[in-house]
Amino acid sequence: MASKDRQITREEVSKHNKDGDLWVIIDAKVYDLSRFVNLHPGGKSVLLEPDVAGQDATEQFYGLHRHEVLEKPQYQRLQIGVIAGEKPRLHGRIAGEISDVPYAEPTWLQPGFYSPYFTENHRQFQKAVRKFMDEWVYPDAIAREADGKRPSQSVIDKMTELNLNAMRLGPGKHLQGRILMNGIVKPEEFDYFHELIITQEFARSSLRGYGDGLLGGMVIGLPPVLNFGSEELKARVIPDVLDGKKFICLAISEAHAGSDVMGLQTSAVKSEDGKYWIINGSKKWITNGTFSDYFTVGCKTEDGFTVILVERGPGVETKQIKTSYSSVAGTAYITFDNVKVPVENTLGEEGGGIFVILSNFNHERWVMCCASARSQRGIVEECLKWVNQRKVFGKPLASQAVIRAKLANMIARAETSQNWLENITYQMCNMSYKQQASKLAGQIAFLKSYSTGCGQETARDAVQIFGGRGITATGMGQYIEHYHRTIPFDALLGGAEDVLADLGVRQALRAMPKNARL
């Protein structure tokens, strides 16, 4: 086997320029394609072009392929040396590293910039979280999106070791006594900016369906238990869920009621002895429902709307719903047929379920805002790289004014979403949970509506920039295609954009001073 360090001159490479004896140069590395030429997915004629065979084909390669193609073992084996006196200088994604592409990172992570919000501890925490996400989450996300299975238990177990599962629920008593990220941050010092970092690094390294599949149901389904469950219920349920041994989801939406929580039809009636709830009905579009052990269920009861924790058992059936984004999320249709549940599983007061759910919505929507802002930034990075290396009409794609205009709008949307998010996060760090509910519900609703709306515009612009590659599930535009296909989920989950925008306005109107006049 030839050494990859073998020094080869460009003159020598140029002699190997025909079918059966074909070498090319890509970024100072020499590849022997003599046997590969007939296996080339694009046909051998492309490789036998005069400006490719025996030549430096770096520009041609990066006009058609992503850098990671060269990192695959089957292609690495084709390398036979390097050009004498030259060194490779191009790279793709570098695991754990901060990107040097402009606007690819939020300002606080860019060298030479400052932030009033993020401390040195946040920076150390971010570095450790990114390393974990790149090493564990990213490869599993790629593999699971390919086979459609739920996230690997090995990843969940590794997250448990670092207490990442617990940290995804935000600051609180549930972190007491836990060692967070190998001790980088103390439980009492963990704040919403630490959680923001986790969510944004997760969004950066994951894929949309996988992101929901990796305990997305826990993030929204466990807080009602944590905040409103009895001590006995919490002691029995929470440890196994945070340790990744059991799974939970939030089961609110139904076929006839989504944003209209009070219109839900699933019923819970007490047994004659008053010891049990008997639950009947169905739920739809429930994230993680296919593999959950626990269901935080919204029910219509005699006193109004009540939230009850249901354990998988007799009468509970789950069926997977096929969606356009991914089967990895475990999206389910759930039926409850005379399901018997102890009344001790009631979360909060009977008839007080609306308070339980509304108190959960702020955090859920804020998490979505974190992910949305970071996902947009990833698309900006993809587009900046593409327009810089793609040639059209003999010039880089970036030379087209219409392309630069699209990029300008994409960058502006990503930056405004992030900065509004950081401001709201700062308020959360300095408000009680009750203050957040009264003062930030409207702001978070506005931001969620705004950021997902921005995301949809960015997705459309990105497809136009990538052209046909932007609607192709593999190759150069694979992440653009994935984002364009999955962004509608961000716009709907946690509340549709129009509903949330109206919520924000209604909250503002309620706060209008009585004496205000033009």
Protein backbone atom coordinates (compact mmCIF):
# COMPACT_ATOMS: atom_id res chain seq x y z
CA MET A 1 0.00 0.00 0.00
CA ALA A 2 1.37 3.40 -0.98
CA SER A 3 2.29 5.84 1.80
CA LYS A 4 0.06 8.90 2.10
CA ASP A 5 3.20 10.91 2.91
CA ARG A 6 4.91 10.01 -0.38
CA GLN A 7 6.21 13.15 -2.11
CA ILE A 8 5.01 13.40 -5.71
CA THR A 9 5.63 16.18 -8.22
CA ARG A 10 2.88 17.76 -10.29
CA GLU A 11 4.77 16.74 -13.41
CA GLU A 12 4.61 13.08 -12.39
CA VAL A 13 0.86 13.34 -11.71
CA SER A 14 0.27 14.82 -15.17
CA LYS A 15 1.60 11.62 -16.79
CA HIS A 16 -1.27 9.57 -15.30
CA ASN A 17 -4.10 11.02 -17.35
CA LYS A 18 -5.96 8.21 -19.09
CA ASP A 19 -8.46 5.44 -18.50
CA GLY A 20 -6.74 2.66 -16.52
CA ASP A 21 -4.01 4.99 -15.28
CA LEU A 22 -5.62 8.03 -13.71
CA TRP A 23 -4.35 10.30 -10.92
CA VAL A 24 -5.75 13.62 -9.69
CA ILE A 25 -4.78 16.28 -7.17
CA ILE A 26 -7.24 17.56 -4.59
CA ASP A 27 -5.92 20.12 -2.11
CA ALA A 28 -2.27 19.02 -2.51
CA LYS A 29 -3.21 15.35 -1.96
CA VAL A 30 -2.70 12.85 -4.79
CA TYR A 31 -5.37 10.23 -5.47
CA ASP A 32 -5.05 7.18 -7.72
CA LEU A 33 -8.47 6.76 -9.36
CA SER A 34 -7.39 4.11 -11.87
CA ARG A 35 -9.65 1.43 -10.39
CA PHE A 36 -12.27 3.81 -9.07
CA VAL A 37 -13.03 5.44 -12.40
CA ASN A 38 -15.63 2.83 -13.39
CA LEU A 39 -17.28 3.09 -9.96
CA HIS A 40 -17.61 6.86 -9.97
CA PRO A 41 -21.30 7.74 -9.34
CA GLY A 42 -21.10 10.54 -11.89
CA GLY A 43 -19.69 8.33 -14.62
CA LYS A 44 -16.09 8.01 -15.73
CA SER A 45 -16.30 10.67 -18.45
CA VAL A 46 -16.23 13.38 -15.76
CA LEU A 47 -12.92 12.07 -14.43
CA LEU A 48 -11.38 11.79 -17.90
CA GLU A 49 -11.94 15.46 -18.74
CA PRO A 50 -8.67 17.19 -19.77
CA ASP A 51 -8.83 19.61 -16.83
CA VAL A 52 -9.31 16.73 -14.36
CA ALA A 53 -7.27 13.68 -15.44
CA GLY A 54 -3.69 14.13 -14.25
CA GLN A 55 -4.49 17.65 -13.10
CA ASP A 56 -5.31 19.64 -9.98
CA ALA A 57 -9.07 19.03 -9.69
CA THR A 58 -9.56 20.83 -6.39
CA GLU A 59 -11.94 23.44 -7.78
CA GLN A 60 -13.95 20.87 -9.75
CA PHE A 61 -14.21 18.58 -6.73
CA TYR A 62 -15.49 21.25 -4.34
CA GLY A 63 -17.95 22.44 -6.92
CA LEU A 64 -19.64 19.04 -6.70
CA HIS A 65 -18.80 17.40 -3.37
CA ARG A 66 -18.70 18.14 0.34
CA HIS A 67 -15.37 17.89 2.14
CA GLU A 68 -16.51 14.93 4.24
CA VAL A 69 -16.50 12.76 1.11
CA LEU A 70 -12.69 12.80 1.30
CA GLU A 71 -12.85 11.69 4.93
CA LYS A 72 -14.70 8.47 4.18
CA PRO A 73 -12.45 5.40 4.54
CA GLN A 74 -13.14 4.11 1.02
CA TYR A 75 -11.88 7.37 -0.47
CA GLN A 76 -9.02 7.87 1.96
CA ARG A 77 -7.62 4.57 0.69
CA LEU A 78 -7.28 6.10 -2.77
CA GLN A 79 -4.74 8.68 -1.57
CA ILE A 80 -1.17 7.72 -2.59
CA GLY A 81 0.78 10.79 -1.53
CA VAL A 82 1.04 14.56 -1.43
CA ILE A 83 2.46 17.15 -3.80
CA ALA A 84 6.12 17.80 -3.01
CA GLY A 85 6.64 21.01 -1.08
CA GLU A 86 2.91 21.66 -0.57
CA LYS A 87 0.51 21.09 2.30
CA PRO A 88 -3.27 20.59 2.33
CA ARG A 89 -5.03 23.76 3.45
CA LEU A 90 -8.75 23.11 3.04
CA HIS A 91 -11.02 21.64 5.67
CA GLY A 92 -14.67 20.97 6.37
CA ARG A 93 -16.31 20.75 9.76
CA ILE A 94 -13.72 20.44 12.56
CA ALA A 95 -15.12 18.59 15.56
CA GLY A 96 -15.25 20.73 18.69
CA GLU A 97 -13.85 23.85 17.03
CA ILE A 98 -15.31 27.32 16.65
CA SER A 99 -16.04 28.04 12.98
CA ASP A 100 -14.04 30.86 11.38
CA VAL A 101 -16.77 31.51 8.79
CA PRO A 102 -18.30 34.98 9.41
CA TYR A 103 -21.66 34.82 11.23
CA ALA A 104 -21.38 31.04 11.61
CA GLU A 105 -21.23 31.53 15.38
CA PRO A 106 -23.18 33.85 17.69
CA THR A 107 -21.25 37.04 18.40
CA TRP A 108 -20.21 36.06 21.92
CA LEU A 109 -18.26 33.09 20.51
CA GLN A 110 -16.48 35.04 17.79
CA PRO A 111 -12.85 36.07 18.55
CA GLY A 112 -12.50 39.73 19.45
CA PHE A 113 -16.17 40.25 20.35
CA TYR A 114 -17.70 40.76 23.78
CA SER A 115 -20.96 40.02 25.57
CA PRO A 116 -22.60 41.39 28.73
CA TYR A 117 -24.29 38.03 29.32
CA PHE A 118 -21.76 35.23 28.94
CA THR A 119 -19.03 34.64 31.52
CA GLU A 120 -15.80 32.69 31.32
CA ASN A 121 -17.63 29.78 32.92
CA HIS A 122 -20.16 29.85 30.10
CA ARG A 123 -17.29 29.71 27.61
CA GLN A 124 -15.69 26.72 29.32
CA PHE A 125 -19.07 25.04 29.47
CA GLN A 126 -19.72 25.69 25.77
CA LYS A 127 -16.39 24.19 24.79
CA ALA A 128 -17.10 20.97 26.70
CA VAL A 129 -20.68 20.71 25.42
CA ARG A 130 -19.62 21.23 21.79
CA LYS A 131 -16.95 18.55 22.07
CA PHE A 132 -19.52 16.11 23.46
CA MET A 133 -22.11 16.93 20.81
CA ASP A 134 -19.64 16.56 17.95
CA GLU A 135 -18.23 13.28 19.25
CA TRP A 136 -21.45 11.61 20.37
CA VAL A 137 -24.59 13.30 19.04
CA TYR A 138 -23.58 14.23 15.48
CA PRO A 139 -22.56 10.73 14.29
CA ASP A 140 -25.61 9.15 15.93
CA ALA A 141 -27.91 11.76 14.37
CA ILE A 142 -26.57 10.94 10.90
CA ALA A 143 -26.91 7.19 11.48
CA ARG A 144 -30.40 7.33 12.98
CA GLU A 145 -31.77 9.65 10.30
CA ALA A 146 -30.56 7.05 7.82
CA ASP A 147 -32.21 4.03 9.49
CA GLY A 148 -35.18 5.77 11.16
CA LYS A 149 -34.59 4.23 14.59
CA ARG A 150 -34.81 6.17 17.83
CA PRO A 151 -31.57 7.71 19.24
CA SER A 152 -29.07 5.17 20.53
CA GLN A 153 -29.24 4.25 24.20
CA SER A 154 -25.44 4.61 24.38
CA VAL A 155 -25.79 8.35 23.66
CA ILE A 156 -28.55 8.72 26.25
CA ASP A 157 -26.40 6.90 28.81
CA LYS A 158 -23.44 9.16 28.06
CA MET A 159 -25.68 12.21 28.50
CA THR A 160 -26.78 10.77 31.84
CA GLU A 161 -23.15 10.52 32.99
CA LEU A 162 -22.73 14.25 32.46
CA ASN A 163 -26.23 15.07 33.76
CA LEU A 164 -27.11 16.70 30.45
CA ASN A 165 -30.62 15.24 30.66
CA ALA A 166 -31.21 17.05 33.95
CA MET A 167 -29.65 20.29 32.72
CA ARG A 168 -32.02 20.40 29.73
CA LEU A 169 -34.85 21.11 32.20
CA GLY A 170 -33.16 24.38 33.19
CA PRO A 171 -32.04 25.67 36.61
CA GLY A 172 -33.74 24.29 39.70
CA LYS A 173 -33.74 22.00 42.71
CA HIS A 174 -33.58 18.92 40.48
CA LEU A 175 -29.88 19.73 39.89
CA GLN A 176 -28.93 19.70 43.57
CA GLY A 177 -26.32 17.10 44.42
CA ARG A 178 -25.52 16.39 40.78
CA ILE A 179 -22.11 16.80 39.14
CA LEU A 180 -22.74 18.84 36.01
CA MET A 181 -20.54 18.38 32.95
CA ASN A 182 -17.75 16.82 35.03
CA GLY A 183 -17.93 19.69 37.53
CA ILE A 184 -17.48 22.62 35.12
CA VAL A 185 -20.53 24.37 36.59
CA LYS A 186 -22.00 24.04 40.08
CA PRO A 187 -25.72 23.26 40.37
CA GLU A 188 -26.42 26.54 42.18
CA GLU A 189 -24.58 28.52 39.45
CA PHE A 190 -26.28 26.84 36.50
CA ASP A 191 -28.50 29.42 34.76
CA TYR A 192 -30.59 29.79 31.62
CA PHE A 193 -27.55 30.80 29.59
CA HIS A 194 -25.98 27.42 30.37
CA GLU A 195 -29.20 25.78 29.18
CA LEU A 196 -29.24 28.02 26.08
CA ILE A 197 -25.73 26.76 25.27
CA ILE A 198 -26.87 23.13 25.54
CA THR A 199 -29.88 23.69 23.30
CA GLN A 200 -27.94 25.65 20.68
CA GLU A 201 -25.04 23.22 20.56
CA PHE A 202 -27.58 20.42 20.26
CA ALA A 203 -29.27 22.20 17.34
CA ARG A 204 -25.91 22.79 15.67
CA SER A 205 -24.78 19.15 15.85
CA SER A 206 -28.09 17.40 15.35
CA LEU A 207 -30.80 16.97 12.72
CA ARG A 208 -34.35 18.14 13.33
CA GLY A 209 -36.15 14.84 13.86
CA TYR A 210 -33.28 13.38 15.83
CA GLY A 211 -33.27 16.49 18.01
CA ASP A 212 -36.85 15.76 19.05
CA GLY A 213 -36.16 12.05 19.34
CA LEU A 214 -33.31 12.52 21.81
CA LEU A 215 -35.62 13.07 24.79
CA GLY A 216 -37.49 16.05 23.38
CA GLY A 217 -40.55 14.57 25.08
CA MET A 218 -38.77 14.70 28.43
CA VAL A 219 -38.02 18.42 28.09
CA ILE A 220 -41.74 19.22 27.84
CA GLY A 221 -43.30 16.20 29.55
CA LEU A 222 -41.32 16.00 32.80
CA PRO A 223 -41.57 19.61 34.13
CA PRO A 224 -45.27 19.21 35.05
CA VAL A 225 -44.29 16.18 37.17
CA LEU A 226 -41.32 18.05 38.60
CA ASN A 227 -43.35 21.14 39.48
CA PHE A 228 -46.80 19.74 40.28
CA GLY A 229 -46.42 16.05 41.17
CA SER A 230 -46.66 14.64 44.68
CA GLU A 231 -43.40 13.86 46.46
CA GLU A 232 -44.08 10.11 46.13
CA LEU A 233 -44.75 10.46 42.40
CA LYS A 234 -41.63 12.54 41.83
CA ALA A 235 -39.47 10.09 43.76
CA ARG A 236 -40.77 7.19 41.68
CA VAL A 237 -40.68 8.78 38.23
CA ILE A 238 -38.06 11.50 37.97
CA PRO A 239 -34.84 9.57 38.72
CA ASP A 240 -35.47 6.90 36.07
CA VAL A 241 -36.38 9.52 33.45
CA LEU A 242 -33.36 11.74 34.13
CA ASP A 243 -31.13 8.65 34.07
CA GLY A 244 -32.47 7.68 30.65
CA LYS A 245 -33.91 4.39 31.91
CA LYS A 246 -37.50 5.39 31.17
CA PHE A 247 -39.04 7.89 28.76
CA ILE A 248 -41.83 10.44 29.05
CA CYS A 249 -43.79 12.66 26.68
CA LEU A 250 -46.34 15.45 26.79
CA ALA A 251 -49.71 14.33 25.43
CA ILE A 252 -51.93 17.37 24.90
CA SER A 253 -52.80 17.82 21.20
CA GLU A 254 -55.73 15.96 19.66
CA ALA A 255 -57.16 15.59 16.20
CA HIS A 256 -59.87 18.16 17.03
CA ALA A 257 -57.84 20.48 19.26
CA GLY A 258 -54.27 21.72 19.08
CA SER A 259 -53.65 25.30 20.20
CA ASP A 260 -57.19 25.26 21.66
CA VAL A 261 -56.21 23.48 24.87
CA MET A 262 -59.62 23.96 26.46
CA GLY A 263 -61.25 22.20 23.51
CA LEU A 264 -59.64 18.83 24.27
CA GLN A 265 -61.99 15.84 24.35
CA THR A 266 -60.00 13.12 26.15
CA SER A 267 -61.98 12.48 29.34
CA ALA A 268 -61.08 11.36 32.84
CA VAL A 269 -63.87 10.18 35.14
CA LYS A 270 -63.34 9.00 38.69
CA SER A 271 -64.16 5.42 39.66
CA GLU A 272 -66.99 4.79 42.11
CA ASP A 273 -64.57 4.43 45.03
CA GLY A 274 -62.81 7.68 44.02
CA LYS A 275 -59.39 6.05 43.96
CA TYR A 276 -58.82 6.01 40.21
CA TRP A 277 -59.27 8.03 37.07
CA ILE A 278 -60.76 6.17 34.12
CA ILE A 279 -59.36 7.79 30.98
CA ASN A 280 -60.77 7.54 27.46
CA GLY A 281 -59.81 9.39 24.30
CA SER A 282 -56.94 9.93 21.93
CA LYS A 283 -53.94 12.19 21.37
CA LYS A 284 -52.18 13.05 18.13
CA TRP A 285 -48.72 14.29 17.00
CA ILE A 286 -47.14 13.34 20.33
CA THR A 287 -43.34 13.59 20.23
CA ASN A 288 -41.59 10.46 21.63
CA GLY A 289 -44.99 8.82 22.11
CA THR A 290 -44.03 5.59 20.33
CA PHE A 291 -41.38 4.69 22.90
CA SER A 292 -42.50 6.53 26.05
CA ASP A 293 -43.18 4.81 29.36
CA TYR A 294 -45.02 7.80 30.84
CA PHE A 295 -47.53 10.24 29.33
CA THR A 296 -48.34 13.66 30.79
CA VAL A 297 -51.94 13.82 29.61
CA GLY A 298 -54.38 16.71 29.41
CA CYS A 299 -57.91 15.53 30.23
CA LYS A 300 -61.42 16.96 30.44
CA THR A 301 -62.79 16.27 33.93
CA GLU A 302 -65.89 17.21 35.92
CA ASP A 303 -64.08 20.25 37.35
CA GLY A 304 -62.72 21.39 34.00
CA PHE A 305 -59.26 20.63 32.60
CA THR A 306 -56.90 18.38 34.56
CA VAL A 307 -53.40 17.03 33.86
CA ILE A 308 -52.71 13.41 34.82
CA LEU A 309 -49.57 11.27 34.57
CA VAL A 310 -50.41 8.01 32.80
CA GLU A 311 -48.08 5.01 32.80
CA ARG A 312 -47.93 2.73 29.78
CA GLY A 313 -50.06 -0.32 30.49
CA PRO A 314 -53.43 -1.95 29.68
CA GLY A 315 -55.61 0.24 27.50
CA VAL A 316 -52.75 2.46 26.26
CA GLU A 317 -51.85 2.02 22.60
CA THR A 318 -49.39 4.02 20.51
CA LYS A 319 -49.02 4.08 16.75
CA GLN A 320 -46.37 5.88 14.80
CA ILE A 321 -47.43 8.82 12.64
CA LYS A 322 -45.48 9.20 9.41
CA THR A 323 -44.35 12.80 9.10
CA SER A 324 -42.25 14.64 6.55
CA TYR A 325 -39.43 15.27 8.96
CA SER A 326 -38.35 12.01 10.61
CA SER A 327 -39.43 8.77 12.22
CA VAL A 328 -36.61 9.21 14.77
CA ALA A 329 -38.79 11.58 16.79
CA GLY A 330 -41.26 8.80 17.57
CA THR A 331 -44.28 10.95 16.72
CA ALA A 332 -47.36 9.04 17.84
CA TYR A 333 -51.11 8.70 17.77
CA ILE A 334 -52.18 7.51 21.23
CA THR A 335 -55.44 5.94 22.31
CA PHE A 336 -56.65 5.52 25.89
CA ASP A 337 -59.32 2.86 26.34
CA ASN A 338 -60.66 2.73 29.92
CA VAL A 339 -57.17 3.31 31.28
CA LYS A 340 -57.13 3.06 35.07
CA VAL A 341 -54.84 5.60 36.78
CA PRO A 342 -54.46 6.30 40.53
CA VAL A 343 -55.77 9.75 41.52
CA GLU A 344 -52.37 10.31 43.14
CA ASN A 345 -51.05 10.75 39.61
CA THR A 346 -52.95 14.02 39.26
CA LEU A 347 -50.54 16.89 38.53
CA GLY A 348 -51.61 20.04 40.33
CA GLU A 349 -55.19 20.71 41.33
CA GLU A 350 -58.17 18.96 39.80
CA GLY A 351 -59.56 21.40 37.27
CA GLY A 352 -56.34 23.43 37.45
CA GLY A 353 -54.67 21.81 34.46
CA ILE A 354 -54.61 24.98 32.39
CA PHE A 355 -52.21 26.55 34.91
CA VAL A 356 -50.00 23.43 34.79
CA ILE A 357 -49.80 23.57 31.01
CA LEU A 358 -49.45 27.34 30.63
CA SER A 359 -46.59 27.40 33.14
CA ASN A 360 -44.89 24.80 30.95
CA PHE A 361 -45.39 26.64 27.66
CA ASN A 362 -42.97 29.51 28.33
CA HIS A 363 -39.98 27.24 28.81
CA GLU A 364 -40.98 24.97 25.93
CA ARG A 365 -41.27 27.90 23.52
CA TRP A 366 -38.06 29.48 24.78
CA VAL A 367 -36.21 26.21 24.09
CA MET A 368 -37.63 26.25 20.56
CA CYS A 369 -36.41 29.83 20.12
CA CYS A 370 -32.91 28.77 21.17
CA ALA A 371 -32.87 25.96 18.62
CA SER A 372 -34.44 28.06 15.87
CA ALA A 373 -31.91 30.87 16.15
CA ARG A 374 -28.97 28.44 16.04
CA SER A 375 -30.35 26.37 13.17
CA GLN A 376 -30.71 29.49 11.03
CA ARG A 377 -27.06 30.30 11.70
CA GLY A 378 -26.03 26.86 10.48
CA ILE A 379 -27.82 27.53 7.20
CA VAL A 380 -26.05 30.89 6.88
CA GLU A 381 -22.72 29.08 7.23
CA GLU A 382 -23.65 26.49 4.60
CA CYS A 383 -24.68 29.23 2.16
CA LEU A 384 -21.57 31.36 2.72
CA LYS A 385 -19.34 28.39 2.02
CA TRP A 386 -21.31 27.41 -1.06
CA VAL A 387 -21.38 30.83 -2.74
CA ASN A 388 -17.67 31.19 -2.12
CA GLN A 389 -16.73 27.93 -3.88
CA ARG A 390 -19.46 27.54 -6.48
CA LYS A 391 -18.65 28.99 -9.93
CA VAL A 392 -21.35 30.27 -12.32
CA PHE A 393 -20.68 32.06 -15.59
CA GLY A 394 -16.98 31.80 -14.83
CA LYS A 395 -17.24 33.64 -11.49
CA PRO A 396 -17.98 32.72 -7.87
CA LEU A 397 -21.69 32.61 -7.10
CA ALA A 398 -21.06 35.36 -4.54
CA SER A 399 -20.36 37.78 -7.39
CA GLN A 400 -24.12 37.88 -8.11
CA ALA A 401 -25.74 40.87 -6.36
CA VAL A 402 -29.05 39.01 -5.93
CA ILE A 403 -27.23 36.25 -4.01
CA ARG A 404 -25.53 38.77 -1.73
CA ALA A 405 -28.92 40.38 -1.05
CA LYS A 406 -30.36 37.03 0.05
CA LEU A 407 -27.36 36.45 2.31
CA ALA A 408 -27.76 39.90 3.85
CA ASN A 409 -31.34 39.13 4.85
CA MET A 410 -30.43 35.68 6.16
CA ILE A 411 -27.65 37.11 8.33
CA ALA A 412 -29.91 39.90 9.63
CA ARG A 413 -32.62 37.41 10.59
CA ALA A 414 -30.18 35.14 12.42
CA GLU A 415 -28.59 38.02 14.32
CA THR A 416 -31.87 39.65 15.38
CA SER A 417 -33.32 36.33 16.55
CA GLN A 418 -30.22 35.61 18.64
CA ASN A 419 -30.01 39.06 20.21
CA TRP A 420 -33.69 39.16 21.15
CA LEU A 421 -33.27 35.67 22.58
CA GLU A 422 -30.28 36.68 24.72
CA ASN A 423 -32.18 39.66 26.11
CA ILE A 424 -35.15 37.49 27.10
CA THR A 425 -32.79 34.89 28.59
CA TYR A 426 -31.22 37.60 30.76
CA GLN A 427 -34.66 38.56 32.03
CA MET A 428 -35.38 34.91 32.85
CA CYS A 429 -32.18 34.71 34.88
CA ASN A 430 -33.35 37.64 36.99
CA MET A 431 -37.03 36.79 37.40
CA SER A 432 -38.90 34.27 39.48
CA TYR A 433 -40.94 31.63 37.65
CA LYS A 434 -44.10 33.58 38.52
CA GLN A 435 -42.66 36.83 37.17
CA GLN A 436 -41.62 35.09 33.97
CA ALA A 437 -45.19 33.86 33.47
CA SER A 438 -46.66 37.34 33.88
CA LYS A 439 -44.03 39.42 32.10
CA LEU A 440 -42.42 37.17 29.49
CA ALA A 441 -45.22 35.00 28.09
CA GLY A 442 -45.97 37.57 25.42
CA GLN A 443 -42.33 38.30 24.61
CA ILE A 444 -41.46 34.62 24.28
CA ALA A 445 -44.56 34.04 22.14
CA PHE A 446 -43.54 36.94 19.89
CA LEU A 447 -39.97 35.65 19.59
CA LYS A 448 -41.08 32.12 18.82
CA SER A 449 -43.41 33.38 16.09
CA TYR A 450 -40.74 35.75 14.73
CA SER A 451 -37.80 33.33 14.77
CA THR A 452 -39.64 30.45 13.10
CA GLY A 453 -41.03 32.87 10.53
CA CYS A 454 -37.46 34.01 9.88
CA GLY A 455 -36.44 30.39 9.58
CA GLN A 456 -38.98 29.72 6.86
CA GLU A 457 -37.78 32.74 4.86
CA THR A 458 -34.18 31.63 5.29
CA ALA A 459 -35.04 28.11 4.18
CA ARG A 460 -36.65 29.42 1.01
CA ASP A 461 -33.68 31.71 0.24
CA ALA A 462 -31.20 28.91 0.89
CA VAL A 463 -32.94 26.60 -1.59
CA GLN A 464 -32.74 29.33 -4.22
CA ILE A 465 -29.02 29.76 -3.54
CA PHE A 466 -28.32 26.03 -3.80
CA GLY A 467 -30.68 25.43 -6.71
CA GLY A 468 -31.43 21.77 -7.42
CA ARG A 469 -29.02 20.71 -4.71
CA GLY A 470 -31.26 22.45 -2.19
CA ILE A 471 -34.00 19.89 -2.77
CA THR A 472 -31.67 16.87 -2.90
CA ALA A 473 -31.45 14.77 0.27
CA THR A 474 -27.78 13.89 -0.23
CA GLY A 475 -24.67 15.71 -1.37
CA MET A 476 -23.82 19.40 -1.30
CA GLY A 477 -27.27 20.65 -0.33
CA GLN A 478 -28.31 17.88 2.04
CA TYR A 479 -28.56 20.15 5.09
CA ILE A 480 -30.45 22.79 3.11
CA GLU A 481 -32.96 20.19 1.92
CA HIS A 482 -33.34 18.86 5.45
CA TYR A 483 -33.86 22.33 6.92
CA HIS A 484 -36.35 23.37 4.24
CA ARG A 485 -38.32 20.15 4.80
CA THR A 486 -38.35 20.34 8.59
CA ILE A 487 -38.70 24.07 9.38
CA PRO A 488 -42.55 23.85 9.26
CA PHE A 489 -42.39 21.74 12.42
CA ASP A 490 -40.72 24.59 14.31
CA ALA A 491 -43.46 26.90 13.07
CA LEU A 492 -46.21 24.64 14.46
CA LEU A 493 -44.92 22.86 17.55
CA GLY A 494 -45.47 24.77 20.78
CA GLY A 495 -48.12 26.93 19.13
CA ALA A 496 -48.69 28.10 15.57
CA GLU A 497 -47.06 31.39 14.59
CA ASP A 498 -50.29 33.36 14.18
CA VAL A 499 -51.69 32.12 17.48
CA LEU A 500 -48.51 33.11 19.35
CA ALA A 501 -48.28 36.53 17.71
CA ASP A 502 -51.88 37.20 18.73
CA LEU A 503 -51.11 36.01 22.26
CA GLY A 504 -48.33 38.58 22.48
CA VAL A 505 -50.59 41.39 21.32
CA ARG A 506 -53.38 40.38 23.71
CA GLN A 507 -50.97 40.39 26.64
CA ALA A 508 -49.79 43.86 25.61
CA LEU A 509 -53.37 45.11 25.41
CA ARG A 510 -54.13 43.78 28.89
CA ALA A 511 -51.20 45.79 30.21
CA MET A 512 -52.30 49.04 28.57
CA PRO A 513 -52.54 51.87 31.14
CA LYS A 514 -56.07 53.16 31.63
CA ASN A 515 -55.03 56.79 31.22
CA ALA A 516 -53.02 56.45 27.99
CA ARG A 517 -54.32 58.64 25.18
CA LEU A 518 -52.96 60.06 21.92
